[in-house]
Amino acid sequence: MQEPFDVLVNGVVYSVFPEEKDVYTIFKAGVEFGKIEKDTENLWMKLDPETELPMFNDDPEVNNIGKAIVNYVPEPDEEEDEDEDFE
């Protein structure tokens, strides 16, 4: 499973915690923002906090977080540490 990581979107740091395929729990400035799910490459949906069903509304903030997740590249040091664990 992928390790948690941070992304910067419009000057705000979001902490991203991968949950399952294409589902992430997001924290905005240390406070839980909610879960988001990838629908298509450019469309992301926030999940209802009670039912975890997708909320079908166009939220630019959620889409921008999703784009940052897709574009995220782990730091080289993080990958080296993971490789050492398998030796």
Protein backbone atom coordinates (compact mmCIF):
# COMPACT_ATOMS: atom_id res chain seq x y z
CA MET A 1 0.00 0.00 0.00
CA GLN A 2 1.17 3.49 -0.76
CA GLU A 3 2.45 5.59 2.15
CA PRO A 4 0.73 8.88 3.11
CA PHE A 5 2.09 12.00 1.44
CA ASP A 6 1.49 15.75 1.22
CA VAL A 7 0.47 17.80 -1.80
CA LEU A 8 0.38 21.57 -2.20
CA VAL A 9 -2.69 23.03 -3.94
CA ASN A 10 -3.16 26.79 -4.25
CA GLY A 11 -0.84 27.43 -1.31
CA VAL A 12 -2.60 24.94 1.00
CA VAL A 13 -0.96 21.72 2.21
CA TYR A 14 -3.18 18.65 2.01
CA SER A 15 -2.13 15.37 3.65
CA VAL A 16 -3.18 12.40 1.55
CA PHE A 17 -3.77 8.96 3.08
CA PRO A 18 -4.41 6.24 0.47
CA GLU A 19 -7.26 3.95 1.57
CA GLU A 20 -8.07 1.62 -1.32
CA LYS A 21 -7.86 1.82 -5.09
CA ASP A 22 -8.57 5.43 -6.10
CA VAL A 23 -9.90 6.40 -2.63
CA TYR A 24 -8.01 8.79 -0.36
CA THR A 25 -8.64 10.39 3.03
CA ILE A 26 -7.62 14.04 2.88
CA PHE A 27 -6.57 16.35 5.70
CA LYS A 28 -6.49 20.09 5.02
CA ALA A 29 -4.09 22.00 7.27
CA GLY A 30 -4.29 19.19 9.83
CA VAL A 31 -8.10 18.91 9.92
CA GLU A 32 -9.96 16.08 8.20
CA PHE A 33 -11.36 17.35 4.90
CA GLY A 34 -12.99 14.04 3.94
CA LYS A 35 -12.57 11.17 1.52
CA ILE A 36 -12.29 11.63 -2.21
CA GLU A 37 -12.53 9.09 -5.02
CA LYS A 38 -11.22 9.19 -8.56
CA ASP A 39 -14.00 8.94 -11.14
CA THR A 40 -12.03 9.77 -14.30
CA GLU A 41 -8.59 11.25 -14.90
CA ASN A 42 -9.92 14.79 -14.47
CA LEU A 43 -12.98 14.21 -12.27
CA TRP A 44 -12.84 13.47 -8.58
CA MET A 45 -15.75 13.17 -6.15
CA LYS A 46 -15.98 13.79 -2.45
CA LEU A 47 -17.58 10.91 -0.54
CA ASP A 48 -20.47 11.47 1.84
CA PRO A 49 -19.02 11.29 5.38
CA GLU A 50 -21.86 9.08 6.66
CA THR A 51 -22.54 6.72 3.75
CA GLU A 52 -19.22 7.00 1.85
CA LEU A 53 -21.24 7.20 -1.36
CA PRO A 54 -20.01 9.65 -4.02
CA MET A 55 -21.56 13.11 -3.95
CA PHE A 56 -22.06 14.10 -7.58
CA ASN A 57 -21.28 17.80 -7.53
CA ASP A 58 -18.59 19.72 -9.36
CA ASP A 59 -16.10 20.78 -6.68
CA PRO A 60 -13.00 22.52 -8.09
CA GLU A 61 -11.11 22.07 -4.80
CA VAL A 62 -11.65 18.29 -4.88
CA ASN A 63 -10.64 18.13 -8.55
CA ASN A 64 -7.47 20.15 -7.86
CA ILE A 65 -6.52 17.85 -4.97
CA GLY A 66 -7.11 14.86 -7.26
CA LYS A 67 -4.90 16.32 -9.98
CA ALA A 68 -2.15 16.87 -7.40
CA ILE A 69 -2.49 13.22 -6.31
CA VAL A 70 -2.19 12.00 -9.92
CA ASN A 71 0.89 14.19 -10.45
CA TYR A 72 2.54 13.23 -7.14
CA VAL A 73 6.02 11.71 -7.47
CA PRO A 74 7.54 10.19 -4.30
CA GLU A 75 10.83 11.61 -3.04
CA PRO A 76 13.79 9.45 -4.17
CA ASP A 77 14.81 8.85 -0.54
CA GLU A 78 11.41 7.36 0.24
CA GLU A 79 11.71 4.86 -2.62
CA GLU A 80 15.23 3.85 -1.54
CA ASP A 81 14.01 3.21 2.01
CA GLU A 82 11.23 0.97 0.69
CA ASP A 83 13.70 -0.95 -1.51
CA GLU A 84 15.95 -1.61 1.50
CA ASP A 85 13.02 -3.19 3.37
CA PHE A 86 12.73 -5.90 0.71
CA GLU A 87 16.39 -6.96 0.77
